[in-house]
Amino acid sequence: MSADMQALIAQVGDQLEALTLAADGLSGVTGLATNPDGTITAEIAGDGTLSALTLAESLTAYPPDEAAVAILATITAATAAAARHRADLLARLSDSLT
């Protein structure tokens, strides 16, 4: 086998490994956020679904409209964190394939 063919096979093997690592990494991507007073924590899975929402009992002291706004803001922050992690992983994958 020629040296060029061996180099091509090695490059394809490296790219396949990078794809496998990226797929594994994407399945483990999560985003986590906690609001400033610590009463709300949200976790977003790699596919964008809400996987956990923890509400402290002290949240019941909030007026309902403020609680709703705080919950949505925390979920939004966790979603943004998950999106950043996905983007970072995909950028590293792109770099390794070029």
PDB file of N, CA and C in Angstrom:
ATOM      1  N   MET A   1       0.846  -1.164   0.000  1.00  0.00           N
ATOM      2  CA  MET A   1       0.000   0.000   0.000  1.00  0.00           C
ATOM      3  C   MET A   1       0.898   1.235   0.000  1.00  0.00           C
ATOM      4  N   SER A   2       0.500   2.230  -0.788  1.00  0.00           N
ATOM      5  CA  SER A   2       1.325   3.433  -0.901  1.00  0.00           C
ATOM      6  C   SER A   2       1.222   4.292   0.358  1.00  0.00           C
ATOM      7  N   ALA A   3       2.224   5.138   0.507  1.00  0.00           N
ATOM      8  CA  ALA A   3       2.254   6.043   1.659  1.00  0.00           C
ATOM      9  C   ALA A   3       1.072   7.013   1.624  1.00  0.00           C
ATOM     10  N   ASP A   4       0.684   7.445   0.422  1.00  0.00           N
ATOM     11  CA  ASP A   4      -0.468   8.347   0.292  1.00  0.00           C
ATOM     12  C   ASP A   4      -1.746   7.662   0.758  1.00  0.00           C
ATOM     13  N   MET A   5      -1.907   6.396   0.379  1.00  0.00           N
ATOM     14  CA  MET A   5      -3.100   5.647   0.775  1.00  0.00           C
ATOM     15  C   MET A   5      -3.108   5.432   2.286  1.00  0.00           C
ATOM     16  N   GLN A   6      -1.970   5.126   2.868  1.00  0.00           N
ATOM     17  CA  GLN A   6      -1.892   4.938   4.318  1.00  0.00           C
ATOM     18  C   GLN A   6      -2.216   6.235   5.049  1.00  0.00           C
ATOM     19  N   ALA A   7      -1.738   7.356   4.519  1.00  0.00           N
ATOM     20  CA  ALA A   7      -2.026   8.651   5.126  1.00  0.00           C
ATOM     21  C   ALA A   7      -3.518   8.969   5.048  1.00  0.00           C
ATOM     22  N   LEU A   8      -4.134   8.648   3.916  1.00  0.00           N
ATOM     23  CA  LEU A   8      -5.565   8.881   3.746  1.00  0.00           C
ATOM     24  C   LEU A   8      -6.374   8.019   4.715  1.00  0.00           C
ATOM     25  N   ILE A   9      -6.003   6.774   4.869  1.00  0.00           N
ATOM     26  CA  ILE A   9      -6.688   5.869   5.793  1.00  0.00           C
ATOM     27  C   ILE A   9      -6.541   6.375   7.225  1.00  0.00           C
ATOM     28  N   ALA A  10      -5.354   6.853   7.576  1.00  0.00           N
ATOM     29  CA  ALA A  10      -5.134   7.390   8.918  1.00  0.00           C
ATOM     30  C   ALA A  10      -5.984   8.637   9.143  1.00  0.00           C
ATOM     31  N   GLN A  11      -6.079   9.493   8.130  1.00  0.00           N
ATOM     32  CA  GLN A  11      -6.881  10.719   8.254  1.00  0.00           C
ATOM     33  C   GLN A  11      -8.356  10.376   8.428  1.00  0.00           C
ATOM     34  N   VAL A  12      -8.856   9.431   7.659  1.00  0.00           N
ATOM     35  CA  VAL A  12     -10.255   9.008   7.776  1.00  0.00           C
ATOM     36  C   VAL A  12     -10.506   8.408   9.163  1.00  0.00           C
ATOM     37  N   GLY A  13      -9.557   7.620   9.651  1.00  0.00           N
ATOM     38  CA  GLY A  13      -9.679   7.056  10.993  1.00  0.00           C
ATOM     39  C   GLY A  13      -9.742   8.136  12.059  1.00  0.00           C
ATOM     40  N   ASP A  14      -8.918   9.167  11.917  1.00  0.00           N
ATOM     41  CA  ASP A  14      -8.926  10.288  12.870  1.00  0.00           C
ATOM     42  C   ASP A  14     -10.259  11.031  12.828  1.00  0.00           C
ATOM     43  N   GLN A  15     -10.782  11.228  11.619  1.00  0.00           N
ATOM     44  CA  GLN A  15     -12.060  11.928  11.487  1.00  0.00           C
ATOM     45  C   GLN A  15     -13.207  11.097  12.054  1.00  0.00           C
ATOM     46  N   LEU A  16     -13.155   9.792  11.852  1.00  0.00           N
ATOM     47  CA  LEU A  16     -14.184   8.914  12.411  1.00  0.00           C
ATOM     48  C   LEU A  16     -14.135   8.959  13.944  1.00  0.00           C
ATOM     49  N   GLU A  17     -12.941   8.974  14.486  1.00  0.00           N
ATOM     50  CA  GLU A  17     -12.796   9.065  15.941  1.00  0.00           C
ATOM     51  C   GLU A  17     -13.356  10.393  16.447  1.00  0.00           C
ATOM     52  N   ALA A  18     -13.089  11.482  15.723  1.00  0.00           N
ATOM     53  CA  ALA A  18     -13.607  12.795  16.118  1.00  0.00           C
ATOM     54  C   ALA A  18     -15.129  12.809  16.076  1.00  0.00           C
ATOM     55  N   LEU A  19     -15.715  12.188  15.056  1.00  0.00           N
ATOM     56  CA  LEU A  19     -17.173  12.118  14.966  1.00  0.00           C
ATOM     57  C   LEU A  19     -17.766  11.312  16.112  1.00  0.00           C
ATOM     58  N   THR A  20     -17.129  10.212  16.452  1.00  0.00           N
ATOM     59  CA  THR A  20     -17.596   9.368  17.546  1.00  0.00           C
ATOM     60  C   THR A  20     -17.529  10.128  18.869  1.00  0.00           C
ATOM     61  N   LEU A  21     -16.410  10.812  19.102  1.00  0.00           N
ATOM     62  CA  LEU A  21     -16.273  11.594  20.324  1.00  0.00           C
ATOM     63  C   LEU A  21     -17.305  12.724  20.384  1.00  0.00           C
ATOM     64  N   ALA A  22     -17.572  13.346  19.241  1.00  0.00           N
ATOM     65  CA  ALA A  22     -18.561  14.421  19.202  1.00  0.00           C
ATOM     66  C   ALA A  22     -19.955  13.882  19.503  1.00  0.00           C
ATOM     67  N   ALA A  23     -20.299  12.743  18.916  1.00  0.00           N
ATOM     68  CA  ALA A  23     -21.611  12.150  19.174  1.00  0.00           C
ATOM     69  C   ALA A  23     -21.758  11.809  20.650  1.00  0.00           C
ATOM     70  N   ASP A  24     -20.723  11.235  21.229  1.00  0.00           N
ATOM     71  CA  ASP A  24     -20.749  10.933  22.667  1.00  0.00           C
ATOM     72  C   ASP A  24     -20.864  12.220  23.481  1.00  0.00           C
ATOM     73  N   GLY A  25     -20.124  13.226  23.083  1.00  0.00           N
ATOM     74  CA  GLY A  25     -20.160  14.496  23.793  1.00  0.00           C
ATOM     75  C   GLY A  25     -21.507  15.179  23.704  1.00  0.00           C
ATOM     76  N   LEU A  26     -22.123  15.143  22.525  1.00  0.00           N
ATOM     77  CA  LEU A  26     -23.427  15.779  22.352  1.00  0.00           C
ATOM     78  C   LEU A  26     -24.486  15.120  23.225  1.00  0.00           C
ATOM     79  N   SER A  27     -24.381  13.816  23.393  1.00  0.00           N
ATOM     80  CA  SER A  27     -25.377  13.136  24.223  1.00  0.00           C
ATOM     81  C   SER A  27     -25.240  13.524  25.692  1.00  0.00           C
ATOM     82  N   GLY A  28     -24.072  14.013  26.075  1.00  0.00           N
ATOM     83  CA  GLY A  28     -23.848  14.390  27.461  1.00  0.00           C
ATOM     84  C   GLY A  28     -23.942  15.884  27.735  1.00  0.00           C
ATOM     85  N   VAL A  29     -24.276  16.668  26.719  1.00  0.00           N
ATOM     86  CA  VAL A  29     -24.359  18.109  26.891  1.00  0.00           C
ATOM     87  C   VAL A  29     -25.536  18.452  27.803  1.00  0.00           C
ATOM     88  N   THR A  30     -25.289  19.324  28.755  1.00  0.00           N
ATOM     89  CA  THR A  30     -26.363  19.850  29.597  1.00  0.00           C
ATOM     90  C   THR A  30     -26.095  21.331  29.856  1.00  0.00           C
ATOM     91  N   GLY A  31     -27.129  22.012  30.240  1.00  0.00           N
ATOM     92  CA  GLY A  31     -27.009  23.394  30.667  1.00  0.00           C
ATOM     93  C   GLY A  31     -27.616  23.517  32.048  1.00  0.00           C
ATOM     94  N   LEU A  32     -26.944  24.214  32.926  1.00  0.00           N
ATOM     95  CA  LEU A  32     -27.403  24.350  34.301  1.00  0.00           C
ATOM     96  C   LEU A  32     -27.393  25.830  34.667  1.00  0.00           C
ATOM     97  N   ALA A  33     -28.448  26.268  35.332  1.00  0.00           N
ATOM     98  CA  ALA A  33     -28.506  27.655  35.794  1.00  0.00           C
ATOM     99  C   ALA A  33     -29.257  27.714  37.116  1.00  0.00           C
ATOM    100  N   THR A  34     -28.819  28.627  37.965  1.00  0.00           N
ATOM    101  CA  THR A  34     -29.481  28.894  39.240  1.00  0.00           C
ATOM    102  C   THR A  34     -29.722  30.391  39.322  1.00  0.00           C
ATOM    103  N   ASN A  35     -30.901  30.777  39.786  1.00  0.00           N
ATOM    104  CA  ASN A  35     -31.188  32.203  39.881  1.00  0.00           C
ATOM    105  C   ASN A  35     -30.352  32.825  41.004  1.00  0.00           C
ATOM    106  N   PRO A  36     -30.242  34.148  41.031  1.00  0.00           N
ATOM    107  CA  PRO A  36     -29.322  34.808  41.974  1.00  0.00           C
ATOM    108  C   PRO A  36     -29.547  34.475  43.451  1.00  0.00           C
ATOM    109  N   ASP A  37     -30.788  34.271  43.864  1.00  0.00           N
ATOM    110  CA  ASP A  37     -30.990  33.980  45.285  1.00  0.00           C
ATOM    111  C   ASP A  37     -31.013  32.486  45.597  1.00  0.00           C
ATOM    112  N   GLY A  38     -30.765  31.673  44.579  1.00  0.00           N
ATOM    113  CA  GLY A  38     -30.628  30.236  44.786  1.00  0.00           C
ATOM    114  C   GLY A  38     -31.927  29.471  44.971  1.00  0.00           C
ATOM    115  N   THR A  39     -33.050  30.110  44.722  1.00  0.00           N
ATOM    116  CA  THR A  39     -34.332  29.429  44.940  1.00  0.00           C
ATOM    117  C   THR A  39     -34.771  28.569  43.764  1.00  0.00           C
ATOM    118  N   ILE A  40     -34.142  28.768  42.605  1.00  0.00           N
ATOM    119  CA  ILE A  40     -34.543  28.047  41.392  1.00  0.00           C
ATOM    120  C   ILE A  40     -33.295  27.527  40.697  1.00  0.00           C
ATOM    121  N   THR A  41     -33.303  26.253  40.354  1.00  0.00           N
ATOM    122  CA  THR A  41     -32.235  25.667  39.551  1.00  0.00           C
ATOM    123  C   THR A  41     -32.885  24.881  38.421  1.00  0.00           C
ATOM    124  N   ALA A  42     -32.395  25.110  37.212  1.00  0.00           N
ATOM    125  CA  ALA A  42     -32.922  24.414  36.033  1.00  0.00           C
ATOM    126  C   ALA A  42     -31.771  23.704  35.328  1.00  0.00           C
ATOM    127  N   GLU A  43     -32.069  22.519  34.805  1.00  0.00           N
ATOM    128  CA  GLU A  43     -31.106  21.771  34.000  1.00  0.00           C
ATOM    129  C   GLU A  43     -31.767  21.429  32.672  1.00  0.00           C
ATOM    130  N   ILE A  44     -31.045  21.705  31.604  1.00  0.00           N
ATOM    131  CA  ILE A  44     -31.529  21.437  30.256  1.00  0.00           C
ATOM    132  C   ILE A  44     -30.672  20.344  29.640  1.00  0.00           C
ATOM    133  N   ALA A  45     -31.319  19.329  29.067  1.00  0.00           N
ATOM    134  CA  ALA A  45     -30.613  18.229  28.404  1.00  0.00           C
ATOM    135  C   ALA A  45     -30.082  18.704  27.051  1.00  0.00           C
ATOM    136  N   GLY A  46     -29.205  17.895  26.481  1.00  0.00           N
ATOM    137  CA  GLY A  46     -28.586  18.227  25.204  1.00  0.00           C
ATOM    138  C   GLY A  46     -29.566  18.413  24.063  1.00  0.00           C
ATOM    139  N   ASP A  47     -30.729  17.776  24.169  1.00  0.00           N
ATOM    140  CA  ASP A  47     -31.729  17.923  23.114  1.00  0.00           C
ATOM    141  C   ASP A  47     -32.650  19.111  23.340  1.00  0.00           C
ATOM    142  N   GLY A  48     -32.365  19.901  24.388  1.00  0.00           N
ATOM    143  CA  GLY A  48     -33.141  21.099  24.647  1.00  0.00           C
ATOM    144  C   GLY A  48     -34.320  20.922  25.582  1.00  0.00           C
ATOM    145  N   THR A  49     -34.513  19.716  26.094  1.00  0.00           N
ATOM    146  CA  THR A  49     -35.633  19.493  26.999  1.00  0.00           C
ATOM    147  C   THR A  49     -35.232  19.819  28.435  1.00  0.00           C
ATOM    148  N   LEU A  50     -36.206  20.235  29.202  1.00  0.00           N
ATOM    149  CA  LEU A  50     -35.995  20.512  30.621  1.00  0.00           C
ATOM    150  C   LEU A  50     -35.888  19.177  31.340  1.00  0.00           C
ATOM    151  N   SER A  51     -34.727  18.896  31.913  1.00  0.00           N
ATOM    152  CA  SER A  51     -34.529  17.599  32.568  1.00  0.00           C
ATOM    153  C   SER A  51     -34.662  17.680  34.080  1.00  0.00           C
ATOM    154  N   ALA A  52     -34.532  18.877  34.645  1.00  0.00           N
ATOM    155  CA  ALA A  52     -34.708  19.030  36.088  1.00  0.00           C
ATOM    156  C   ALA A  52     -35.049  20.480  36.395  1.00  0.00           C
ATOM    157  N   LEU A  53     -35.934  20.644  37.346  1.00  0.00           N
ATOM    158  CA  LEU A  53     -36.291  21.966  37.843  1.00  0.00           C
ATOM    159  C   LEU A  53     -36.452  21.839  39.344  1.00  0.00           C
ATOM    160  N   THR A  54     -35.604  22.539  40.082  1.00  0.00           N
ATOM    161  CA  THR A  54     -35.636  22.485  41.541  1.00  0.00           C
ATOM    162  C   THR A  54     -36.081  23.841  42.059  1.00  0.00           C
ATOM    163  N   LEU A  55     -37.119  23.811  42.878  1.00  0.00           N
ATOM    164  CA  LEU A  55     -37.668  25.033  43.453  1.00  0.00           C
ATOM    165  C   LEU A  55     -37.570  24.946  44.972  1.00  0.00           C
ATOM    166  N   ALA A  56     -36.934  25.933  45.570  1.00  0.00           N
ATOM    167  CA  ALA A  56     -36.838  25.976  47.023  1.00  0.00           C
ATOM    168  C   ALA A  56     -38.194  26.375  47.604  1.00  0.00           C
ATOM    169  N   GLU A  57     -38.468  25.902  48.794  1.00  0.00           N
ATOM    170  CA  GLU A  57     -39.736  26.235  49.436  1.00  0.00           C
ATOM    171  C   GLU A  57     -39.885  27.739  49.623  1.00  0.00           C
ATOM    172  N   SER A  58     -38.781  28.439  49.800  1.00  0.00           N
ATOM    173  CA  SER A  58     -38.833  29.894  49.993  1.00  0.00           C
ATOM    174  C   SER A  58     -39.372  30.627  48.761  1.00  0.00           C
ATOM    175  N   LEU A  59     -39.436  29.957  47.634  1.00  0.00           N
ATOM    176  CA  LEU A  59     -40.002  30.568  46.430  1.00  0.00           C
ATOM    177  C   LEU A  59     -41.485  30.896  46.633  1.00  0.00           C
ATOM    178  N   THR A  60     -42.135  30.213  47.564  1.00  0.00           N
ATOM    179  CA  THR A  60     -43.562  30.486  47.814  1.00  0.00           C
ATOM    180  C   THR A  60     -43.793  31.884  48.370  1.00  0.00           C
ATOM    181  N   ALA A  61     -42.739  32.537  48.834  1.00  0.00           N
ATOM    182  CA  ALA A  61     -42.864  33.915  49.318  1.00  0.00           C
ATOM    183  C   ALA A  61     -42.952  34.914  48.169  1.00  0.00           C
ATOM    184  N   TYR A  62     -42.556  34.499  46.970  1.00  0.00           N
ATOM    185  CA  TYR A  62     -42.634  35.372  45.804  1.00  0.00           C
ATOM    186  C   TYR A  62     -44.091  35.549  45.396  1.00  0.00           C
ATOM    187  N   PRO A  63     -44.462  36.720  44.912  1.00  0.00           N
ATOM    188  CA  PRO A  63     -45.766  36.838  44.252  1.00  0.00           C
ATOM    189  C   PRO A  63     -45.767  35.909  43.028  1.00  0.00           C
ATOM    190  N   PRO A  64     -46.903  35.318  42.684  1.00  0.00           N
ATOM    191  CA  PRO A  64     -46.941  34.346  41.583  1.00  0.00           C
ATOM    192  C   PRO A  64     -46.354  34.846  40.264  1.00  0.00           C
ATOM    193  N   ASP A  65     -46.631  36.098  39.900  1.00  0.00           N
ATOM    194  CA  ASP A  65     -46.103  36.600  38.630  1.00  0.00           C
ATOM    195  C   ASP A  65     -44.584  36.734  38.666  1.00  0.00           C
ATOM    196  N   GLU A  66     -44.030  37.120  39.816  1.00  0.00           N
ATOM    197  CA  GLU A  66     -42.568  37.210  39.943  1.00  0.00           C
ATOM    198  C   GLU A  66     -41.935  35.823  39.948  1.00  0.00           C
ATOM    199  N   ALA A  67     -42.589  34.865  40.573  1.00  0.00           N
ATOM    200  CA  ALA A  67     -42.083  33.489  40.572  1.00  0.00           C
ATOM    201  C   ALA A  67     -42.039  32.945  39.148  1.00  0.00           C
ATOM    202  N   ALA A  68     -43.094  33.193  38.394  1.00  0.00           N
ATOM    203  CA  ALA A  68     -43.152  32.713  37.006  1.00  0.00           C
ATOM    204  C   ALA A  68     -42.037  33.330  36.172  1.00  0.00           C
ATOM    205  N   VAL A  69     -41.827  34.625  36.315  1.00  0.00           N
ATOM    206  CA  VAL A  69     -40.763  35.312  35.563  1.00  0.00           C
ATOM    207  C   VAL A  69     -39.397  34.756  35.950  1.00  0.00           C
ATOM    208  N   ALA A  70     -39.181  34.546  37.243  1.00  0.00           N
ATOM    209  CA  ALA A  70     -37.887  34.021  37.710  1.00  0.00           C
ATOM    210  C   ALA A  70     -37.654  32.601  37.220  1.00  0.00           C
ATOM    211  N   ILE A  71     -38.694  31.771  37.228  1.00  0.00           N
ATOM    212  CA  ILE A  71     -38.559  30.395  36.741  1.00  0.00           C
ATOM    213  C   ILE A  71     -38.214  30.400  35.260  1.00  0.00           C
ATOM    214  N   LEU A  72     -38.946  31.182  34.473  1.00  0.00           N
ATOM    215  CA  LEU A  72     -38.672  31.229  33.029  1.00  0.00           C
ATOM    216  C   LEU A  72     -37.293  31.791  32.729  1.00  0.00           C
ATOM    217  N   ALA A  73     -36.862  32.786  33.487  1.00  0.00           N
ATOM    218  CA  ALA A  73     -35.521  33.359  33.270  1.00  0.00           C
ATOM    219  C   ALA A  73     -34.436  32.327  33.575  1.00  0.00           C
ATOM    220  N   THR A  74     -34.638  31.530  34.599  1.00  0.00           N
ATOM    221  CA  THR A  74     -33.647  30.510  34.960  1.00  0.00           C
ATOM    222  C   THR A  74     -33.606  29.412  33.910  1.00  0.00           C
ATOM    223  N   ILE A  75     -34.771  29.000  33.430  1.00  0.00           N
ATOM    224  CA  ILE A  75     -34.822  27.992  32.366  1.00  0.00           C
ATOM    225  C   ILE A  75     -34.155  28.529  31.102  1.00  0.00           C
ATOM    226  N   THR A  76     -34.400  29.793  30.784  1.00  0.00           N
ATOM    227  CA  THR A  76     -33.780  30.412  29.607  1.00  0.00           C
ATOM    228  C   THR A  76     -32.257  30.447  29.740  1.00  0.00           C
ATOM    229  N   ALA A  77     -31.767  30.774  30.930  1.00  0.00           N
ATOM    230  CA  ALA A  77     -30.316  30.797  31.156  1.00  0.00           C
ATOM    231  C   ALA A  77     -29.712  29.402  31.016  1.00  0.00           C
ATOM    232  N   ALA A  78     -30.395  28.394  31.514  1.00  0.00           N
ATOM    233  CA  ALA A  78     -29.902  27.017  31.384  1.00  0.00           C
ATOM    234  C   ALA A  78     -29.920  26.573  29.923  1.00  0.00           C
ATOM    235  N   THR A  79     -30.946  26.972  29.196  1.00  0.00           N
ATOM    236  CA  THR A  79     -31.023  26.650  27.764  1.00  0.00           C
ATOM    237  C   THR A  79     -29.873  27.289  27.004  1.00  0.00           C
ATOM    238  N   ALA A  80     -29.558  28.525  27.331  1.00  0.00           N
ATOM    239  CA  ALA A  80     -28.436  29.218  26.688  1.00  0.00           C
ATOM    240  C   ALA A  80     -27.116  28.528  27.008  1.00  0.00           C
ATOM    241  N   ALA A  81     -26.965  28.071  28.249  1.00  0.00           N
ATOM    242  CA  ALA A  81     -25.729  27.364  28.632  1.00  0.00           C
ATOM    243  C   ALA A  81     -25.588  26.067  27.839  1.00  0.00           C
ATOM    244  N   ALA A  82     -26.682  25.331  27.683  1.00  0.00           N
ATOM    245  CA  ALA A  82     -26.630  24.089  26.897  1.00  0.00           C
ATOM    246  C   ALA A  82     -26.289  24.385  25.436  1.00  0.00           C
ATOM    247  N   ALA A  83     -26.872  25.446  24.903  1.00  0.00           N
ATOM    248  CA  ALA A  83     -26.589  25.820  23.507  1.00  0.00           C
ATOM    249  C   ALA A  83     -25.119  26.198  23.334  1.00  0.00           C
ATOM    250  N   ARG A  84     -24.547  26.910  24.312  1.00  0.00           N
ATOM    251  CA  ARG A  84     -23.114  27.253  24.233  1.00  0.00           C
ATOM    252  C   ARG A  84     -22.249  26.002  24.259  1.00  0.00           C
ATOM    253  N   HIS A  85     -22.595  25.058  25.123  1.00  0.00           N
ATOM    254  CA  HIS A  85     -21.818  23.819  25.191  1.00  0.00           C
ATOM    255  C   HIS A  85     -21.905  23.048  23.874  1.00  0.00           C
ATOM    256  N   ARG A  86     -23.110  22.972  23.296  1.00  0.00           N
ATOM    257  CA  ARG A  86     -23.265  22.301  21.997  1.00  0.00           C
ATOM    258  C   ARG A  86     -22.438  22.997  20.934  1.00  0.00           C
ATOM    259  N   ALA A  87     -22.502  24.322  20.897  1.00  0.00           N
ATOM    260  CA  ALA A  87     -21.761  25.088  19.889  1.00  0.00           C
ATOM    261  C   ALA A  87     -20.255  24.889  20.039  1.00  0.00           C
ATOM    262  N   ASP A  88     -19.765  24.887  21.277  1.00  0.00           N
ATOM    263  CA  ASP A  88     -18.334  24.659  21.511  1.00  0.00           C
ATOM    264  C   ASP A  88     -17.915  23.280  21.017  1.00  0.00           C
ATOM    265  N   LEU A  89     -18.721  22.284  21.330  1.00  0.00           N
ATOM    266  CA  LEU A  89     -18.407  20.926  20.907  1.00  0.00           C
ATOM    267  C   LEU A  89     -18.413  20.804  19.385  1.00  0.00           C
ATOM    268  N   LEU A  90     -19.399  21.405  18.737  1.00  0.00           N
ATOM    269  CA  LEU A  90     -19.474  21.339  17.283  1.00  0.00           C
ATOM    270  C   LEU A  90     -18.345  22.136  16.633  1.00  0.00           C
ATOM    271  N   ALA A  91     -17.920  23.224  17.245  1.00  0.00           N
ATOM    272  CA  ALA A  91     -16.787  23.988  16.704  1.00  0.00           C
ATOM    273  C   ALA A  91     -15.499  23.167  16.774  1.00  0.00           C
ATOM    274  N   ARG A  92     -15.317  22.469  17.904  1.00  0.00           N
ATOM    275  CA  ARG A  92     -14.124  21.604  18.017  1.00  0.00           C
ATOM    276  C   ARG A  92     -14.186  20.483  16.984  1.00  0.00           C
ATOM    277  N   LEU A  93     -15.372  19.940  16.759  1.00  0.00           N
ATOM    278  CA  LEU A  93     -15.525  18.892  15.745  1.00  0.00           C
ATOM    279  C   LEU A  93     -15.178  19.437  14.369  1.00  0.00           C
ATOM    280  N   SER A  94     -15.696  20.611  14.059  1.00  0.00           N
ATOM    281  CA  SER A  94     -15.424  21.225  12.770  1.00  0.00           C
ATOM    282  C   SER A  94     -13.926  21.457  12.577  1.00  0.00           C
ATOM    283  N   ASP A  95     -13.272  21.945  13.626  1.00  0.00           N
ATOM    284  CA  ASP A  95     -11.822  22.168  13.557  1.00  0.00           C
ATOM    285  C   ASP A  95     -11.060  20.874  13.310  1.00  0.00           C
ATOM    286  N   SER A  96     -11.521  19.781  13.933  1.00  0.00           N
ATOM    287  CA  SER A  96     -10.798  18.525  13.799  1.00  0.00           C
ATOM    288  C   SER A  96     -11.017  17.871  12.433  1.00  0.00           C
ATOM    289  N   LEU A  97     -12.080  18.268  11.750  1.00  0.00           N
ATOM    290  CA  LEU A  97     -12.375  17.681  10.438  1.00  0.00           C
ATOM    291  C   LEU A  97     -11.776  18.470   9.290  1.00  0.00           C
ATOM    292  N   THR A  98     -11.229  19.633   9.586  1.00  0.00           N
ATOM    293  CA  THR A  98     -10.665  20.443   8.498  1.00  0.00           C
ATOM    294  C   THR A  98      -9.145  20.442   8.563  1.00  0.00           C
TER     295      THR A  98
END
